[in-house]
Protein backbone atom coordinates (compact mmCIF):
# COMPACT_ATOMS: atom_id res chain seq x y z
CA MET A 1 13.55 -32.76 28.84
CA SER A 2 17.27 -32.28 28.29
CA VAL A 3 18.39 -32.07 24.67
CA PRO A 4 22.08 -32.55 23.89
CA THR A 5 23.57 -30.22 21.32
CA THR A 6 26.64 -30.51 19.14
CA SER A 7 28.55 -28.39 21.65
CA GLY A 8 27.62 -30.61 24.58
CA GLN A 9 25.30 -28.11 26.26
CA ASP A 10 22.24 -29.62 27.90
CA GLY A 11 18.79 -28.25 28.44
CA LEU A 12 18.44 -26.21 25.27
CA ARG A 13 14.89 -26.05 24.02
CA SER A 14 13.23 -24.09 21.31
CA ARG A 15 10.52 -21.69 22.40
CA LEU A 16 8.02 -23.17 19.98
CA PRO A 17 7.55 -26.63 18.47
CA ASP A 18 8.43 -27.38 14.86
CA PRO A 19 6.18 -25.23 12.62
CA ALA A 20 5.84 -28.13 10.17
CA GLN A 21 3.33 -29.79 12.51
CA PHE A 22 1.05 -26.77 12.05
CA PHE A 23 2.02 -25.74 8.52
CA PRO A 24 3.31 -28.70 6.47
CA GLU A 25 3.58 -26.44 3.42
CA VAL A 26 6.53 -24.64 5.06
CA ALA A 27 8.74 -27.56 3.98
CA THR A 28 7.57 -27.06 0.39
CA ILE A 29 8.28 -23.34 0.58
CA ALA A 30 11.74 -23.97 2.08
CA GLY A 31 12.51 -26.53 -0.62
CA ALA A 32 11.43 -24.21 -3.40
CA MET A 33 13.51 -21.36 -1.96
CA ALA A 34 16.56 -23.62 -1.70
CA LYS A 35 16.09 -24.80 -5.29
CA ALA A 36 15.80 -21.21 -6.51
CA THR A 37 18.87 -19.96 -4.65
CA LEU A 38 21.04 -22.95 -5.53
CA ASN A 39 20.37 -22.76 -9.28
CA GLY A 40 24.07 -22.39 -10.12
CA SER A 41 24.00 -18.80 -11.32
CA ILE A 42 26.07 -17.74 -8.30
CA PRO A 43 28.40 -19.96 -6.28
CA ARG A 44 26.79 -21.84 -3.41
CA THR A 45 29.47 -20.40 -1.14
CA THR A 46 28.38 -16.87 -2.04
CA VAL A 47 24.85 -17.75 -0.93
CA GLY A 48 26.27 -19.13 2.32
CA LEU A 49 28.48 -16.10 2.96
CA VAL A 50 25.58 -13.70 2.34
CA GLN A 51 23.25 -15.68 4.57
CA LEU A 52 25.88 -15.95 7.31
CA ARG A 53 26.29 -12.17 7.22
CA ALA A 54 22.51 -11.76 7.41
CA GLY A 55 22.40 -14.01 10.48
CA GLN A 56 25.15 -11.97 12.10
CA ILE A 57 23.42 -8.67 11.36
CA VAL A 58 20.10 -9.75 12.88
CA GLY A 59 21.80 -11.39 15.87
CA SER A 60 20.65 -14.94 15.16
CA THR A 61 22.87 -17.62 16.68
CA TYR A 62 20.77 -20.25 14.91
CA HIS A 63 21.44 -18.78 11.46
CA ALA A 64 25.10 -18.05 12.19
CA VAL A 65 25.70 -21.65 13.31
CA ARG A 66 23.67 -23.13 10.45
CA GLN A 67 25.39 -21.09 7.75
CA THR A 68 28.83 -21.61 9.27
CA GLY A 69 28.25 -25.37 9.23
CA GLY A 70 27.15 -25.28 5.60
CA LEU A 71 30.20 -23.27 4.61
CA ARG A 72 32.49 -25.71 6.40
CA GLU A 73 30.80 -28.63 4.63
CA ALA A 74 31.40 -26.82 1.33
CA GLY A 75 35.12 -26.64 2.15
CA GLU A 76 35.36 -22.99 3.11
CA THR A 77 38.34 -22.01 5.24
CA GLU A 78 38.02 -20.89 8.82
CA GLU A 79 39.66 -17.59 7.83
CA ARG A 80 36.93 -16.79 5.31
CA ILE A 81 34.12 -17.90 7.60
CA THR A 82 35.47 -15.96 10.57
CA ALA A 83 36.18 -12.87 8.49
CA VAL A 84 32.60 -12.49 7.21
CA ALA A 85 31.81 -10.18 10.15
CA SER A 86 34.72 -7.92 9.16
CA TRP A 87 34.70 -8.54 5.41
CA ARG A 88 35.45 -4.93 4.46
CA ASP A 89 39.09 -5.14 5.52
CA ALA A 90 39.59 -8.90 5.18
CA PRO A 91 41.75 -10.07 2.26
CA TYR A 92 39.80 -13.30 1.72
CA PHE A 93 36.93 -12.28 -0.54
CA THR A 94 36.53 -11.69 -4.26
CA ASP A 95 35.12 -8.42 -5.55
CA ALA A 96 31.85 -10.21 -6.39
CA GLU A 97 31.58 -11.63 -2.86
CA ARG A 98 32.36 -8.22 -1.36
CA VAL A 99 29.60 -6.49 -3.27
CA ALA A 100 27.18 -9.30 -2.34
CA LEU A 101 28.07 -8.84 1.33
CA GLU A 102 27.64 -5.09 0.95
CA LEU A 103 24.22 -5.66 -0.62
CA VAL A 104 22.94 -7.86 2.24
CA GLU A 105 24.17 -5.26 4.73
CA ALA A 106 22.38 -2.52 2.83
CA VAL A 107 19.13 -4.50 2.75
CA LEU A 108 19.22 -5.35 6.47
CA THR A 109 20.65 -2.15 7.93
CA PRO A 110 18.39 0.90 8.29
CA ASN A 111 19.67 3.98 6.52
CA PRO A 112 18.16 7.14 8.01
CA LEU A 113 19.82 9.24 5.30
CA GLY A 114 18.31 7.66 2.22
CA GLU A 115 17.44 4.49 0.42
CA ARG A 116 19.05 1.26 1.56
CA VAL A 117 20.12 0.12 -1.90
CA PRO A 118 21.12 3.26 -3.79
CA ASP A 119 21.71 3.27 -7.55
CA GLU A 120 25.49 3.34 -6.99
CA LEU A 121 25.41 0.07 -5.04
CA TYR A 122 23.02 -1.52 -7.53
CA ALA A 123 25.39 -0.55 -10.37
CA ARG A 124 28.34 -2.18 -8.56
CA VAL A 125 26.34 -5.32 -7.89
CA SER A 126 25.08 -5.56 -11.47
CA ALA A 127 28.66 -5.18 -12.73
CA HIS A 128 29.40 -8.57 -11.13
CA TYR A 129 26.08 -10.36 -11.55
CA ASP A 130 23.85 -10.75 -14.61
CA ASP A 131 20.06 -10.56 -14.24
CA MET A 132 19.65 -14.25 -13.31
CA ALA A 133 22.48 -14.09 -10.76
CA LEU A 134 21.20 -10.82 -9.32
CA TRP A 135 17.73 -12.30 -8.89
CA THR A 136 19.32 -15.35 -7.27
CA LEU A 137 21.24 -13.14 -4.87
CA THR A 138 18.05 -11.20 -4.14
CA LEU A 139 16.18 -14.44 -3.43
CA ALA A 140 19.04 -15.71 -1.23
CA ILE A 141 18.64 -12.59 0.90
CA GLY A 142 14.87 -13.04 0.85
CA GLN A 143 15.22 -16.68 1.84
CA ILE A 144 17.20 -15.89 4.99
CA CYS A 145 14.86 -12.98 5.77
CA PHE A 146 11.88 -15.35 5.54
CA PHE A 147 13.41 -17.46 8.30
CA VAL A 148 14.71 -14.63 10.53
CA PRO A 149 11.44 -14.31 12.52
CA VAL A 150 11.38 -18.09 12.92
CA ALA A 151 14.90 -18.02 14.37
CA LEU A 152 14.39 -15.00 16.60
CA ILE A 153 10.92 -15.86 17.90
CA ALA A 154 10.80 -19.67 17.93
CA ARG A 155 14.52 -20.07 18.67
CA PRO A 156 15.25 -23.44 17.04
CA ILE A 157 18.20 -25.23 18.65
CA PRO A 158 21.49 -24.18 16.99
CA GLY A 159 23.56 -26.97 15.52
CA ARG A 160 20.65 -29.35 15.10
CA PRO A 161 19.44 -30.36 11.63
CA PRO A 162 16.04 -29.14 10.42
CA GLY A 163 13.26 -31.28 11.86
CA LYS A 164 15.35 -32.08 14.95
CA ASN A 165 15.95 -28.53 16.10
CA TYR A 166 12.71 -27.96 17.97
CA ARG A 167 11.76 -28.93 21.55
């Protein structure tokens, strides 16, 4: 079966069918995670930037496309979206966004020389985010990490909305 995508490519199929047919509670989990991360304590765009960076780090086209689309819908500029991969020297991000991007990199990048989130980084993050916001940022990273195995193993079709992105 040929499945058209938003880019016009044909023949893309996920490796696995939609997990909701086996585990309907996944939709409830996803909804609860979205509600928790979009509670308003940090900007929605910060969540999107952090999750885009996570998708880039783990090499997930699905997550990169999904987060990029969400950022565009939120009105983010192409410069900011494109510069997420090179945020350290890009002039487009606030100090709070920079430390959030640094945090997601620390969480997802092995550090053979010590802990991934050292006290120095935590102190810089907590200087920009209160406890509620820091928990929200932590859950936003956890949310994308929950779905990383789904994206890498099942390979949902990039650019398709949830529920229409499998086989």
